[in-house]
Structure formats: C-alpha cells, structure tokens
PDB file of N, CA and C in Angstrom:
ATOM      1  N   MET A   1      26.399  -6.656  39.928  1.00  0.00           N
ATOM      2  CA  MET A   1      26.552  -6.267  41.328  1.00  0.00           C
ATOM      3  C   MET A   1      25.680  -7.160  42.229  1.00  0.00           C
ATOM      4  N   GLU A   2      26.269  -7.749  43.203  1.00  0.00           N
ATOM      5  CA  GLU A   2      25.548  -8.587  44.168  1.00  0.00           C
ATOM      6  C   GLU A   2      25.248  -7.679  45.383  1.00  0.00           C
ATOM      7  N   ILE A   3      24.014  -7.738  45.804  1.00  0.00           N
ATOM      8  CA  ILE A   3      23.611  -6.925  47.035  1.00  0.00           C
ATOM      9  C   ILE A   3      23.050  -7.889  48.071  1.00  0.00           C
ATOM     10  N   GLU A   4      23.541  -7.844  49.292  1.00  0.00           N
ATOM     11  CA  GLU A   4      23.108  -8.601  50.385  1.00  0.00           C
ATOM     12  C   GLU A   4      22.553  -7.563  51.421  1.00  0.00           C
ATOM     13  N   TYR A   5      21.246  -7.693  51.794  1.00  0.00           N
ATOM     14  CA  TYR A   5      20.618  -6.686  52.608  1.00  0.00           C
ATOM     15  C   TYR A   5      19.781  -7.352  53.728  1.00  0.00           C
ATOM     16  N   THR A   6      19.960  -6.778  54.917  1.00  0.00           N
ATOM     17  CA  THR A   6      19.037  -7.239  56.049  1.00  0.00           C
ATOM     18  C   THR A   6      17.968  -6.208  56.210  1.00  0.00           C
ATOM     19  N   PRO A   7      16.758  -6.550  55.891  1.00  0.00           N
ATOM     20  CA  PRO A   7      15.630  -5.638  55.979  1.00  0.00           C
ATOM     21  C   PRO A   7      15.249  -5.376  57.447  1.00  0.00           C
ATOM     22  N   ARG A   8      14.644  -4.217  57.657  1.00  0.00           N
ATOM     23  CA  ARG A   8      14.178  -3.823  59.002  1.00  0.00           C
ATOM     24  C   ARG A   8      12.668  -3.492  58.991  1.00  0.00           C
ATOM     25  N   GLY A   9      11.970  -3.967  60.009  1.00  0.00           N
ATOM     26  CA  GLY A   9      10.557  -3.622  60.173  1.00  0.00           C
ATOM     27  C   GLY A   9       9.599  -4.426  59.383  1.00  0.00           C
ATOM     28  N   VAL A  10      10.132  -5.546  58.789  1.00  0.00           N
ATOM     29  CA  VAL A  10       9.266  -6.418  57.998  1.00  0.00           C
ATOM     30  C   VAL A  10       9.496  -7.904  58.402  1.00  0.00           C
ATOM     31  N   CYS A  11       8.735  -8.802  57.857  1.00  0.00           N
ATOM     32  CA  CYS A  11       8.837 -10.183  58.200  1.00  0.00           C
ATOM     33  C   CYS A  11      10.017 -10.878  57.563  1.00  0.00           C
ATOM     34  N   SER A  12      10.391 -10.443  56.398  1.00  0.00           N
ATOM     35  CA  SER A  12      11.541 -11.116  55.735  1.00  0.00           C
ATOM     36  C   SER A  12      12.815 -10.812  56.533  1.00  0.00           C
ATOM     37  N   ARG A  13      13.788 -11.735  56.444  1.00  0.00           N
ATOM     38  CA  ARG A  13      15.021 -11.621  57.251  1.00  0.00           C
ATOM     39  C   ARG A  13      16.279 -11.270  56.371  1.00  0.00           C
ATOM     40  N   HIS A  14      16.156 -11.479  55.059  1.00  0.00           N
ATOM     41  CA  HIS A  14      17.322 -11.209  54.246  1.00  0.00           C
ATOM     42  C   HIS A  14      16.836 -11.014  52.781  1.00  0.00           C
ATOM     43  N   ILE A  15      17.555 -10.182  52.020  1.00  0.00           N
ATOM     44  CA  ILE A  15      17.277  -9.973  50.622  1.00  0.00           C
ATOM     45  C   ILE A  15      18.557 -10.123  49.846  1.00  0.00           C
ATOM     46  N   HIS A  16      18.596 -10.923  48.839  1.00  0.00           N
ATOM     47  CA  HIS A  16      19.719 -11.026  47.921  1.00  0.00           C
ATOM     48  C   HIS A  16      19.269 -10.504  46.534  1.00  0.00           C
ATOM     49  N   VAL A  17      20.053  -9.624  45.962  1.00  0.00           N
ATOM     50  CA  VAL A  17      19.747  -9.043  44.695  1.00  0.00           C
ATOM     51  C   VAL A  17      20.900  -9.082  43.779  1.00  0.00           C
ATOM     52  N   ASP A  18      20.709  -9.469  42.529  1.00  0.00           N
ATOM     53  CA  ASP A  18      21.775  -9.419  41.496  1.00  0.00           C
ATOM     54  C   ASP A  18      21.317  -8.370  40.466  1.00  0.00           C
ATOM     55  N   VAL A  19      22.164  -7.352  40.267  1.00  0.00           N
ATOM     56  CA  VAL A  19      21.903  -6.329  39.312  1.00  0.00           C
ATOM     57  C   VAL A  19      22.993  -6.338  38.281  1.00  0.00           C
ATOM     58  N   GLU A  20      22.588  -6.226  37.017  1.00  0.00           N
ATOM     59  CA  GLU A  20      23.570  -6.220  35.928  1.00  0.00           C
ATOM     60  C   GLU A  20      23.177  -5.071  35.009  1.00  0.00           C
ATOM     61  N   ASP A  21      24.165  -4.166  34.738  1.00  0.00           N
ATOM     62  CA  ASP A  21      23.934  -3.022  33.834  1.00  0.00           C
ATOM     63  C   ASP A  21      22.642  -2.214  34.179  1.00  0.00           C
ATOM     64  N   GLY A  22      22.466  -2.008  35.500  1.00  0.00           N
ATOM     65  CA  GLY A  22      21.355  -1.182  35.901  1.00  0.00           C
ATOM     66  C   GLY A  22      20.018  -1.889  35.873  1.00  0.00           C
ATOM     67  N   THR A  23      19.949  -3.138  35.622  1.00  0.00           N
ATOM     68  CA  THR A  23      18.776  -3.963  35.568  1.00  0.00           C
ATOM     69  C   THR A  23      18.790  -5.034  36.616  1.00  0.00           C
ATOM     70  N   ILE A  24      17.642  -5.225  37.310  1.00  0.00           N
ATOM     71  CA  ILE A  24      17.518  -6.264  38.314  1.00  0.00           C
ATOM     72  C   ILE A  24      17.407  -7.601  37.574  1.00  0.00           C
ATOM     73  N   ARG A  25      18.340  -8.482  37.909  1.00  0.00           N
ATOM     74  CA  ARG A  25      18.354  -9.810  37.293  1.00  0.00           C
ATOM     75  C   ARG A  25      17.729 -10.888  38.168  1.00  0.00           C
ATOM     76  N   GLU A  26      17.957 -10.785  39.463  1.00  0.00           N
ATOM     77  CA  GLU A  26      17.405 -11.819  40.346  1.00  0.00           C
ATOM     78  C   GLU A  26      17.210 -11.212  41.705  1.00  0.00           C
ATOM     79  N   VAL A  27      16.160 -11.632  42.358  1.00  0.00           N
ATOM     80  CA  VAL A  27      15.834 -11.260  43.768  1.00  0.00           C
ATOM     81  C   VAL A  27      15.394 -12.459  44.555  1.00  0.00           C
ATOM     82  N   LYS A  28      15.964 -12.641  45.724  1.00  0.00           N
ATOM     83  CA  LYS A  28      15.594 -13.744  46.612  1.00  0.00           C
ATOM     84  C   LYS A  28      15.399 -13.231  47.964  1.00  0.00           C
ATOM     85  N   PHE A  29      14.223 -13.407  48.531  1.00  0.00           N
ATOM     86  CA  PHE A  29      13.883 -13.087  49.874  1.00  0.00           C
ATOM     87  C   PHE A  29      14.011 -14.320  50.781  1.00  0.00           C
ATOM     88  N   THR A  30      14.506 -14.124  51.997  1.00  0.00           N
ATOM     89  CA  THR A  30      14.527 -15.183  53.024  1.00  0.00           C
ATOM     90  C   THR A  30      13.524 -14.766  54.020  1.00  0.00           C
ATOM     91  N   GLY A  31      12.535 -15.610  54.318  1.00  0.00           N
ATOM     92  CA  GLY A  31      11.509 -15.368  55.281  1.00  0.00           C
ATOM     93  C   GLY A  31      10.417 -14.417  54.625  1.00  0.00           C
ATOM     94  N   GLY A  32       9.508 -14.029  55.443  1.00  0.00           N
ATOM     95  CA  GLY A  32       8.390 -13.161  54.988  1.00  0.00           C
ATOM     96  C   GLY A  32       7.270 -14.040  54.389  1.00  0.00           C
ATOM     97  N   CYS A  33       6.327 -13.391  53.878  1.00  0.00           N
ATOM     98  CA  CYS A  33       5.126 -14.063  53.286  1.00  0.00           C
ATOM     99  C   CYS A  33       5.548 -14.605  51.887  1.00  0.00           C
ATOM    100  N   SER A  34       5.663 -15.888  51.832  1.00  0.00           N
ATOM    101  CA  SER A  34       6.158 -16.584  50.668  1.00  0.00           C
ATOM    102  C   SER A  34       5.581 -16.066  49.342  1.00  0.00           C
ATOM    103  N   GLY A  35       4.294 -16.107  49.203  1.00  0.00           N
ATOM    104  CA  GLY A  35       3.654 -15.734  47.991  1.00  0.00           C
ATOM    105  C   GLY A  35       3.875 -14.246  47.662  1.00  0.00           C
ATOM    106  N   ASN A  36       3.888 -13.398  48.637  1.00  0.00           N
ATOM    107  CA  ASN A  36       4.169 -11.931  48.337  1.00  0.00           C
ATOM    108  C   ASN A  36       5.563 -11.757  47.916  1.00  0.00           C
ATOM    109  N   THR A  37       6.504 -12.335  48.670  1.00  0.00           N
ATOM    110  CA  THR A  37       7.923 -12.059  48.326  1.00  0.00           C
ATOM    111  C   THR A  37       8.323 -12.708  46.973  1.00  0.00           C
ATOM    112  N   GLN A  38       7.720 -13.853  46.710  1.00  0.00           N
ATOM    113  CA  GLN A  38       7.940 -14.426  45.333  1.00  0.00           C
ATOM    114  C   GLN A  38       7.380 -13.576  44.256  1.00  0.00           C
ATOM    115  N   GLY A  39       6.234 -13.010  44.528  1.00  0.00           N
ATOM    116  CA  GLY A  39       5.574 -12.092  43.528  1.00  0.00           C
ATOM    117  C   GLY A  39       6.423 -10.827  43.316  1.00  0.00           C
ATOM    118  N   VAL A  40       6.889 -10.247  44.441  1.00  0.00           N
ATOM    119  CA  VAL A  40       7.721  -9.044  44.331  1.00  0.00           C
ATOM    120  C   VAL A  40       8.975  -9.345  43.543  1.00  0.00           C
ATOM    121  N   ALA A  41       9.638 -10.489  43.876  1.00  0.00           N
ATOM    122  CA  ALA A  41      10.848 -10.873  43.223  1.00  0.00           C
ATOM    123  C   ALA A  41      10.632 -11.082  41.675  1.00  0.00           C
ATOM    124  N   ALA A  42       9.558 -11.777  41.335  1.00  0.00           N
ATOM    125  CA  ALA A  42       9.241 -12.044  39.921  1.00  0.00           C
ATOM    126  C   ALA A  42       8.937 -10.772  39.193  1.00  0.00           C
ATOM    127  N   LEU A  43       8.219  -9.833  39.765  1.00  0.00           N
ATOM    128  CA  LEU A  43       7.915  -8.529  39.084  1.00  0.00           C
ATOM    129  C   LEU A  43       9.109  -7.640  38.990  1.00  0.00           C
ATOM    130  N   ALA A  44      10.051  -7.697  39.953  1.00  0.00           N
ATOM    131  CA  ALA A  44      11.202  -6.882  39.907  1.00  0.00           C
ATOM    132  C   ALA A  44      12.161  -7.305  38.852  1.00  0.00           C
ATOM    133  N   GLN A  45      12.233  -8.551  38.586  1.00  0.00           N
ATOM    134  CA  GLN A  45      13.259  -9.073  37.552  1.00  0.00           C
ATOM    135  C   GLN A  45      12.927  -8.393  36.159  1.00  0.00           C
ATOM    136  N   GLY A  46      14.065  -7.858  35.654  1.00  0.00           N
ATOM    137  CA  GLY A  46      14.014  -7.215  34.349  1.00  0.00           C
ATOM    138  C   GLY A  46      13.727  -5.714  34.393  1.00  0.00           C
ATOM    139  N   MET A  47      13.388  -5.220  35.591  1.00  0.00           N
ATOM    140  CA  MET A  47      13.166  -3.801  35.800  1.00  0.00           C
ATOM    141  C   MET A  47      14.430  -3.014  35.997  1.00  0.00           C
ATOM    142  N   LYS A  48      14.508  -1.811  35.519  1.00  0.00           N
ATOM    143  CA  LYS A  48      15.612  -0.927  35.782  1.00  0.00           C
ATOM    144  C   LYS A  48      15.542  -0.586  37.283  1.00  0.00           C
ATOM    145  N   VAL A  49      16.719  -0.486  37.891  1.00  0.00           N
ATOM    146  CA  VAL A  49      16.824  -0.204  39.316  1.00  0.00           C
ATOM    147  C   VAL A  49      16.103   1.084  39.622  1.00  0.00           C
ATOM    148  N   GLU A  50      16.332   2.115  38.945  1.00  0.00           N
ATOM    149  CA  GLU A  50      15.647   3.419  39.221  1.00  0.00           C
ATOM    150  C   GLU A  50      14.155   3.351  39.119  1.00  0.00           C
ATOM    151  N   ASP A  51      13.637   2.532  38.189  1.00  0.00           N
ATOM    152  CA  ASP A  51      12.191   2.447  38.015  1.00  0.00           C
ATOM    153  C   ASP A  51      11.626   1.691  39.212  1.00  0.00           C
ATOM    154  N   TYR A  52      12.261   0.611  39.645  1.00  0.00           N
ATOM    155  CA  TYR A  52      11.783  -0.118  40.804  1.00  0.00           C
ATOM    156  C   TYR A  52      11.710   0.755  42.049  1.00  0.00           C
ATOM    157  N   ILE A  53      12.827   1.496  42.305  1.00  0.00           N
ATOM    158  CA  ILE A  53      12.916   2.428  43.458  1.00  0.00           C
ATOM    159  C   ILE A  53      11.738   3.386  43.446  1.00  0.00           C
ATOM    160  N   ALA A  54      11.534   4.024  42.283  1.00  0.00           N
ATOM    161  CA  ALA A  54      10.435   5.021  42.176  1.00  0.00           C
ATOM    162  C   ALA A  54       9.095   4.462  42.372  1.00  0.00           C
ATOM    163  N   ARG A  55       8.830   3.228  41.991  1.00  0.00           N
ATOM    164  CA  ARG A  55       7.517   2.639  42.109  1.00  0.00           C
ATOM    165  C   ARG A  55       7.267   2.083  43.501  1.00  0.00           C
ATOM    166  N   CYS A  56       8.304   1.594  44.197  1.00  0.00           N
ATOM    167  CA  CYS A  56       8.049   0.782  45.385  1.00  0.00           C
ATOM    168  C   CYS A  56       8.573   1.308  46.672  1.00  0.00           C
ATOM    169  N   LYS A  57       9.361   2.395  46.655  1.00  0.00           N
ATOM    170  CA  LYS A  57       9.980   2.845  47.932  1.00  0.00           C
ATOM    171  C   LYS A  57       9.028   3.274  48.999  1.00  0.00           C
ATOM    172  N   ASP A  58       7.836   3.661  48.642  1.00  0.00           N
ATOM    173  CA  ASP A  58       6.900   4.220  49.614  1.00  0.00           C
ATOM    174  C   ASP A  58       5.722   3.235  49.978  1.00  0.00           C
ATOM    175  N   ILE A  59       5.863   2.019  49.585  1.00  0.00           N
ATOM    176  CA  ILE A  59       4.826   1.044  49.811  1.00  0.00           C
ATOM    177  C   ILE A  59       4.854   0.678  51.321  1.00  0.00           C
ATOM    178  N   LYS A  60       3.669   0.617  51.922  1.00  0.00           N
ATOM    179  CA  LYS A  60       3.555   0.210  53.316  1.00  0.00           C
ATOM    180  C   LYS A  60       2.873  -1.149  53.450  1.00  0.00           C
ATOM    181  N   CYS A  61       3.123  -1.833  54.569  1.00  0.00           N
ATOM    182  CA  CYS A  61       2.511  -3.125  54.783  1.00  0.00           C
ATOM    183  C   CYS A  61       1.618  -2.967  56.043  1.00  0.00           C
ATOM    184  N   GLY A  62       0.273  -2.852  55.770  1.00  0.00           N
ATOM    185  CA  GLY A  62      -0.666  -2.687  56.870  1.00  0.00           C
ATOM    186  C   GLY A  62      -0.302  -1.450  57.701  1.00  0.00           C
ATOM    187  N   HIS A  63      -0.128  -1.693  58.991  1.00  0.00           N
ATOM    188  CA  HIS A  63       0.196  -0.605  59.919  1.00  0.00           C
ATOM    189  C   HIS A  63       1.627  -0.272  59.986  1.00  0.00           C
ATOM    190  N   LYS A  64       2.504  -1.111  59.338  1.00  0.00           N
ATOM    191  CA  LYS A  64       3.919  -0.888  59.361  1.00  0.00           C
ATOM    192  C   LYS A  64       4.320   0.288  58.526  1.00  0.00           C
ATOM    193  N   PRO A  65       5.435   1.009  58.835  1.00  0.00           N
ATOM    194  CA  PRO A  65       5.860   2.156  58.058  1.00  0.00           C
ATOM    195  C   PRO A  65       6.593   1.755  56.840  1.00  0.00           C
ATOM    196  N   THR A  66       6.821   0.444  56.577  1.00  0.00           N
ATOM    197  CA  THR A  66       7.571  -0.006  55.417  1.00  0.00           C
ATOM    198  C   THR A  66       6.996  -1.368  54.932  1.00  0.00           C
ATOM    199  N   SER A  67       7.658  -1.993  53.969  1.00  0.00           N
ATOM    200  CA  SER A  67       7.148  -3.258  53.408  1.00  0.00           C
ATOM    201  C   SER A  67       8.374  -3.989  52.858  1.00  0.00           C
ATOM    202  N   CYS A  68       8.148  -5.223  52.408  1.00  0.00           N
ATOM    203  CA  CYS A  68       9.235  -5.942  51.761  1.00  0.00           C
ATOM    204  C   CYS A  68       9.586  -5.274  50.429  1.00  0.00           C
ATOM    205  N   PRO A  69       8.615  -4.852  49.638  1.00  0.00           N
ATOM    206  CA  PRO A  69       8.957  -4.166  48.386  1.00  0.00           C
ATOM    207  C   PRO A  69       9.728  -2.864  48.690  1.00  0.00           C
ATOM    208  N   ALA A  70       9.343  -2.142  49.728  1.00  0.00           N
ATOM    209  CA  ALA A  70      10.025  -0.855  50.102  1.00  0.00           C
ATOM    210  C   ALA A  70      11.458  -1.201  50.606  1.00  0.00           C
ATOM    211  N   GLN A  71      11.622  -2.235  51.327  1.00  0.00           N
ATOM    212  CA  GLN A  71      12.961  -2.628  51.812  1.00  0.00           C
ATOM    213  C   GLN A  71      13.906  -2.997  50.680  1.00  0.00           C
ATOM    214  N   LEU A  72      13.342  -3.698  49.645  1.00  0.00           N
ATOM    215  CA  LEU A  72      14.124  -3.954  48.442  1.00  0.00           C
ATOM    216  C   LEU A  72      14.545  -2.662  47.749  1.00  0.00           C
ATOM    217  N   ALA A  73      13.628  -1.649  47.645  1.00  0.00           N
ATOM    218  CA  ALA A  73      13.956  -0.412  47.031  1.00  0.00           C
ATOM    219  C   ALA A  73      15.039   0.304  47.880  1.00  0.00           C
ATOM    220  N   LEU A  74      14.993   0.197  49.196  1.00  0.00           N
ATOM    221  CA  LEU A  74      16.009   0.793  50.035  1.00  0.00           C
ATOM    222  C   LEU A  74      17.341   0.172  49.880  1.00  0.00           C
ATOM    223  N   ALA A  75      17.390  -1.148  49.735  1.00  0.00           N
ATOM    224  CA  ALA A  75      18.608  -1.921  49.445  1.00  0.00           C
ATOM    225  C   ALA A  75      19.250  -1.442  48.152  1.00  0.00           C
ATOM    226  N   LEU A  76      18.385  -1.294  47.120  1.00  0.00           N
ATOM    227  CA  LEU A  76      18.891  -0.836  45.799  1.00  0.00           C
ATOM    228  C   LEU A  76      19.406   0.602  45.860  1.00  0.00           C
ATOM    229  N   GLU A  77      18.688   1.459  46.574  1.00  0.00           N
ATOM    230  CA  GLU A  77      19.021   2.816  46.680  1.00  0.00           C
ATOM    231  C   GLU A  77      20.378   2.997  47.417  1.00  0.00           C
ATOM    232  N   GLN A  78      20.489   2.249  48.480  1.00  0.00           N
ATOM    233  CA  GLN A  78      21.857   2.300  49.200  1.00  0.00           C
ATOM    234  C   GLN A  78      22.982   1.791  48.361  1.00  0.00           C
ATOM    235  N   ALA A  79      22.741   0.743  47.547  1.00  0.00           N
ATOM    236  CA  ALA A  79      23.774   0.222  46.699  1.00  0.00           C
ATOM    237  C   ALA A  79      24.142   1.263  45.653  1.00  0.00           C
ATOM    238  N   LEU A  80      23.214   2.003  45.106  1.00  0.00           N
ATOM    239  CA  LEU A  80      23.509   3.020  44.099  1.00  0.00           C
ATOM    240  C   LEU A  80      24.280   4.146  44.769  1.00  0.00           C
ATOM    241  N   GLN A  81      23.968   4.542  45.999  1.00  0.00           N
ATOM    242  CA  GLN A  81      24.701   5.645  46.657  1.00  0.00           C
ATOM    243  C   GLN A  81      26.121   5.213  46.948  1.00  0.00           C
ATOM    244  N   SER A  82      26.308   3.908  47.292  1.00  0.00           N
ATOM    245  CA  SER A  82      27.690   3.473  47.648  1.00  0.00           C
ATOM    246  C   SER A  82      28.592   3.457  46.412  1.00  0.00           C
ATOM    247  N   GLN A  83      27.976   3.335  45.226  1.00  0.00           N
ATOM    248  CA  GLN A  83      28.774   3.318  43.977  1.00  0.00           C
ATOM    249  C   GLN A  83      29.136   4.731  43.513  1.00  0.00           C
ATOM    250  N   ALA A  84      28.340   5.709  43.982  1.00  0.00           N
ATOM    251  CA  ALA A  84      28.602   7.090  43.546  1.00  0.00           C
ATOM    252  C   ALA A  84      29.882   7.705  44.090  1.00  0.00           C
TER     253      ALA A  84
END
C-alpha cells in the first residue's frame, strides 16, 4: 500500500510511505529537519504499522501539539481506517 500524506502543524511538507503486509517498508519525508526526518524514516522501516502508531502518535515537537513522527503515525492510522 502506498500512502501519500500532507502533514499539518510541522515543518515537513509531504510524507510518502510504502507498507507491505502490515510492515513499513519505506518512508520519505519532504521538507522538515533533514536529520530528524531521516532518522524517523530509518527507525520506522521494518516496524509493524500498529507498533509505530502506538509508539509515536503522541510525540510533540517543542511547543507544537504534534511532530513529524506523530504525523507519520496519523497518516498510517488514517490509511488503516480507510481499509476497514
């Protein structure tokens, strides 16, 4: 499953996710803090979608009510809901 998501409230402008058999295969952020988004993408690869959502959906970035990891979790959560 290919997911294209436009995050809100963060520095990144776009998230592309490839999920296969419930496992995150690839994540690419456009924009945002390069080192942080590369790190999030690398750590997410190989994780089960549900595990990533549980770990990252409530992460905040400084004073912001969300973060790039949380926006990725939201993208995954919405994709799961649309499949149900």
